[in-house]
Amino acid sequence: MTLGTKTPSGGASTRRRFGRWPAGPLSTKAHRGRRAPSRSPRGRWRRLLIYVILTPLAFVWIYPFLWMMSASVRPNGKVFAGLGLFPTKWFWNNYAEAWVDAEIGRYFINTVIVSFSAVAIVVFTTATMGYALGRCNFPGRRILVGLLAALVFLPQGYTIIPIFDLITRLHLDGTLFGIILAESGQAHIIQLLLYAGYFRQLPKELEESATMDGAGFFTVFFRIFLPLAKPVTATVIILQFIASWNDFLLPLVLTLSQPELRTLAVAVYSFQGENFTNYAQMNAASTISLLPVIIVFLLLQRYFVEGIAGAVKQ
């Protein structure tokens, strides 16, 4: 057989015959004979030192949350009895009493409605504005981006009065829709800039080919660019869900006249009375309010990292 002769295997046997690479069992034996390069002792000691330093820091970081969970299953008189994490007796009825007697169940449903509605509205508004800001070149775009970035440092307390006045003028005070509108109508600059940065780096050929096929502005956005922005969408969902779920000031101001519309953040604060505070039920309610945030973050953490990395890449 000559060198140029083709075989049914598509030339693979020729390459094997002339020593390009060993085939079959020979390759396995060759790889068995090779040992993976061992890591240097210096690298192992460095990694061990990092673990030794970071493990206590991680424990100190999560200790308040672990202590809160431990205090939620203690009797109210022994909440501050010590700093240990394992109580001698577990009082699970604190959760039942907080859920039923303190009406945490109602406030939980209010928080779910407000948070999910605000997330849906914020994802739609920031995605559309981010698409226009990232893909369209218009005069003053850089100035607009600079002004939006400056709004990040504006404290929420400076906007609470105009927001309350606007909700009152719209006759939406004392309603869940008013709280949803207040949560979703703020300046969500970080979410907007994340979408703008991600859309800006996508190739122009996608938009040009879709336009040549007759697709309009909204068709290109909803069918091409928005599905490609899943990591950023997950990041925005996490950021807005945490912000809406844990927000205290706006729901407190907007539900003063309607206590039954309180969210969990305001409801937990109501456990503190003038003469008596039930710290055990307060910790139980706090644990209930934090678990959904932790679950959502664990489910979307991979997309969260990808979204942050993709949005800042230029």
Foldseek 3Di string as FASTA:
>chain_A
DDLPDADPVGNPVSCCVVPVDDDDPVNVVVVVVDDDDDDDPVVVVVVVVVCVVVVVVVCVVCLVVLLLVQLLQDAQVCSVVDSDNHDPGGRPCLLVCLVPVLVLVLQAVLLVVLLVLLLVLQLVVLLVLLLCLQPPDDPCSVVVLVVLVVCVPPDPVVCLVVLVVVCVVVVNQPHSVSSSCSLNVDSPSVLNLLNSLLNNPDDPVLVVVCVVVPDDDVRSSPVPVVVVLVLSSLQSSLVSSVCSLQDDPNQCVRCPVPVSSHHLNPSLVVQDDPVDHRSNSSSSSVSVSCVVSVVSCVVSVVSNVVSVVSSPDD
